[in-house]
């Protein structure tokens, strides 16, 4: 009976040791993944900030004017306003 208790205790301690090692490895792996994801988040945040800045630059009025002139759109030198047509036979 005494040998059986020692055998069960040895198995129990072995299971505890293996589970402890498994939990340590799992925790370390999870920590590495979290660290990697935090670095990726920081990189994407920087890229997003850069792209927003580029968008603001590209939509500035001076830049749009240059693009328009490059496409052949220019400010007219002489503006002519056309009045709406008036009726010929108008009642008083």
C-alpha atoms as a PDB file:
ATOM      1  CA  UNK A   1       0.000   0.000   0.000  1.00  0.00           C
ATOM      2  CA  UNK A   2       2.867   2.334   0.810  1.00  0.00           C
ATOM      3  CA  UNK A   3       4.379   1.822  -2.669  1.00  0.00           C
ATOM      4  CA  UNK A   4       1.037   2.692  -4.278  1.00  0.00           C
ATOM      5  CA  UNK A   5       0.875   6.012  -2.398  1.00  0.00           C
ATOM      6  CA  UNK A   6       4.426   6.881  -3.461  1.00  0.00           C
ATOM      7  CA  UNK A   7       3.614   5.968  -7.071  1.00  0.00           C
ATOM      8  CA  UNK A   8       0.431   8.132  -7.077  1.00  0.00           C
ATOM      9  CA  UNK A   9       2.292  11.018  -5.412  1.00  0.00           C
ATOM     10  CA  UNK A  10       5.093  10.772  -7.990  1.00  0.00           C
ATOM     11  CA  UNK A  11       2.588  10.827 -10.864  1.00  0.00           C
ATOM     12  CA  UNK A  12       0.748  13.763  -9.305  1.00  0.00           C
ATOM     13  CA  UNK A  13       3.985  15.759  -8.893  1.00  0.00           C
ATOM     14  CA  UNK A  14       5.017  14.948 -12.469  1.00  0.00           C
ATOM     15  CA  UNK A  15       1.663  16.188 -13.780  1.00  0.00           C
ATOM     16  CA  UNK A  16       2.036  19.383 -11.741  1.00  0.00           C
ATOM     17  CA  UNK A  17       5.564  19.950 -13.058  1.00  0.00           C
ATOM     18  CA  UNK A  18       4.527  19.377 -16.673  1.00  0.00           C
ATOM     19  CA  UNK A  19       1.510  21.648 -16.338  1.00  0.00           C
ATOM     20  CA  UNK A  20       3.673  24.343 -14.722  1.00  0.00           C
ATOM     21  CA  UNK A  21       6.144  24.201 -17.622  1.00  0.00           C
ATOM     22  CA  UNK A  22       3.274  24.241 -20.124  1.00  0.00           C
ATOM     23  CA  UNK A  23       1.699  27.326 -18.482  1.00  0.00           C
ATOM     24  CA  UNK A  24       5.071  29.109 -18.452  1.00  0.00           C
ATOM     25  CA  UNK A  25       5.625  28.435 -22.149  1.00  0.00           C
ATOM     26  CA  UNK A  26       2.076  29.508 -22.983  1.00  0.00           C
ATOM     27  CA  UNK A  27       2.473  32.738 -21.008  1.00  0.00           C
ATOM     28  CA  UNK A  28       5.793  33.538 -22.684  1.00  0.00           C
ATOM     29  CA  UNK A  29       4.329  32.894 -26.128  1.00  0.00           C
ATOM     30  CA  UNK A  30       1.317  35.078 -25.397  1.00  0.00           C
ATOM     31  CA  UNK A  31       3.562  37.874 -24.124  1.00  0.00           C
ATOM     32  CA  UNK A  32       5.632  37.725 -27.309  1.00  0.00           C
ATOM     33  CA  UNK A  33       2.475  37.928 -29.433  1.00  0.00           C
ATOM     34  CA  UNK A  34       1.162  40.897 -27.460  1.00  0.00           C
ATOM     35  CA  UNK A  35       4.493  42.687 -27.831  1.00  0.00           C
ATOM     36  CA  UNK A  36       4.508  42.028 -31.570  1.00  0.00           C
ATOM     37  CA  UNK A  37       0.941  43.289 -31.926  1.00  0.00           C
ATOM     38  CA  UNK A  38       1.760  46.446 -29.949  1.00  0.00           C
ATOM     39  CA  UNK A  39       4.694  47.174 -32.273  1.00  0.00           C
ATOM     40  CA  UNK A  40       2.469  46.602 -35.302  1.00  0.00           C
ATOM     41  CA  UNK A  41      -0.175  48.926 -33.843  1.00  0.00           C
ATOM     42  CA  UNK A  42       2.426  51.660 -33.314  1.00  0.00           C
ATOM     43  CA  UNK A  43       3.722  51.233 -36.880  1.00  0.00           C
ATOM     44  CA  UNK A  44       0.218  51.388 -38.348  1.00  0.00           C
ATOM     45  CA  UNK A  45      -0.609  54.431 -36.235  1.00  0.00           C
ATOM     46  CA  UNK A  46       2.480  56.228 -37.555  1.00  0.00           C
ATOM     47  CA  UNK A  47       1.623  55.248 -41.129  1.00  0.00           C
ATOM     48  CA  UNK A  48      -1.962  56.464 -40.644  1.00  0.00           C
ATOM     49  CA  UNK A  49      -0.712  59.806 -39.305  1.00  0.00           C
ATOM     50  CA  UNK A  50       1.659  60.159 -42.279  1.00  0.00           C
ATOM     51  CA  UNK A  51      -1.078  59.333 -44.796  1.00  0.00           C
ATOM     52  CA  UNK A  52      -3.461  61.833 -43.216  1.00  0.00           C
ATOM     53  CA  UNK A  53      -0.766  64.500 -43.524  1.00  0.00           C
ATOM     54  CA  UNK A  54      -0.235  63.623 -47.180  1.00  0.00           C
ATOM     55  CA  UNK A  55      -3.983  63.826 -47.787  1.00  0.00           C
ATOM     56  CA  UNK A  56      -4.153  67.282 -46.232  1.00  0.00           C
ATOM     57  CA  UNK A  57      -1.200  68.412 -48.370  1.00  0.00           C
ATOM     58  CA  UNK A  58      -2.750  67.044 -51.561  1.00  0.00           C
ATOM     59  CA  UNK A  59      -6.080  68.753 -50.885  1.00  0.00           C
ATOM     60  CA  UNK A  60      -4.609  72.196 -50.158  1.00  0.00           C
ATOM     61  CA  UNK A  61      -5.905  74.972 -52.421  1.00  0.00           C
ATOM     62  CA  UNK A  62      -2.473  75.769 -53.858  1.00  0.00           C
ATOM     63  CA  UNK A  63      -1.823  72.170 -54.732  1.00  0.00           C
ATOM     64  CA  UNK A  64      -5.271  71.757 -56.297  1.00  0.00           C
ATOM     65  CA  UNK A  65      -4.711  74.911 -58.351  1.00  0.00           C
ATOM     66  CA  UNK A  66      -1.399  73.535 -59.666  1.00  0.00           C
ATOM     67  CA  UNK A  67      -3.059  70.231 -60.556  1.00  0.00           C
ATOM     68  CA  UNK A  68      -5.886  72.072 -62.328  1.00  0.00           C
ATOM     69  CA  UNK A  69      -3.451  74.163 -64.353  1.00  0.00           C
ATOM     70  CA  UNK A  70      -1.577  70.992 -65.266  1.00  0.00           C
ATOM     71  CA  UNK A  71      -4.850  69.595 -66.647  1.00  0.00           C
ATOM     72  CA  UNK A  72      -5.512  72.748 -68.661  1.00  0.00           C
ATOM     73  CA  UNK A  73      -7.893  74.578 -66.346  1.00  0.00           C
ATOM     74  CA  UNK A  74      -6.916  78.218 -65.929  1.00  0.00           C
ATOM     75  CA  UNK A  75      -8.553  81.250 -64.366  1.00  0.00           C
ATOM     76  CA  UNK A  76     -10.357  83.302 -66.966  1.00  0.00           C
ATOM     77  CA  UNK A  77      -8.965  86.770 -67.616  1.00  0.00           C
ATOM     78  CA  UNK A  78     -12.281  88.312 -68.581  1.00  0.00           C
ATOM     79  CA  UNK A  79     -15.465  87.234 -66.819  1.00  0.00           C
ATOM     80  CA  UNK A  80     -18.710  87.750 -68.723  1.00  0.00           C
ATOM     81  CA  UNK A  81     -21.984  87.509 -66.811  1.00  0.00           C
ATOM     82  CA  UNK A  82     -25.099  86.538 -68.725  1.00  0.00           C
ATOM     83  CA  UNK A  83     -28.381  87.967 -67.504  1.00  0.00           C
ATOM     84  CA  UNK A  84     -31.390  85.688 -67.408  1.00  0.00           C
ATOM     85  CA  UNK A  85     -33.690  86.140 -70.420  1.00  0.00           C
ATOM     86  CA  UNK A  86     -36.569  88.557 -70.002  1.00  0.00           C
ATOM     87  CA  UNK A  87     -39.981  87.953 -71.413  1.00  0.00           C
ATOM     88  CA  UNK A  88     -40.766  89.879 -74.628  1.00  0.00           C
ATOM     89  CA  UNK A  89     -44.404  90.514 -74.046  1.00  0.00           C
ATOM     90  CA  UNK A  90     -44.552  91.310 -70.384  1.00  0.00           C
ATOM     91  CA  UNK A  91     -47.692  92.397 -68.556  1.00  0.00           C
ATOM     92  CA  UNK A  92     -47.400  95.516 -66.440  1.00  0.00           C
END
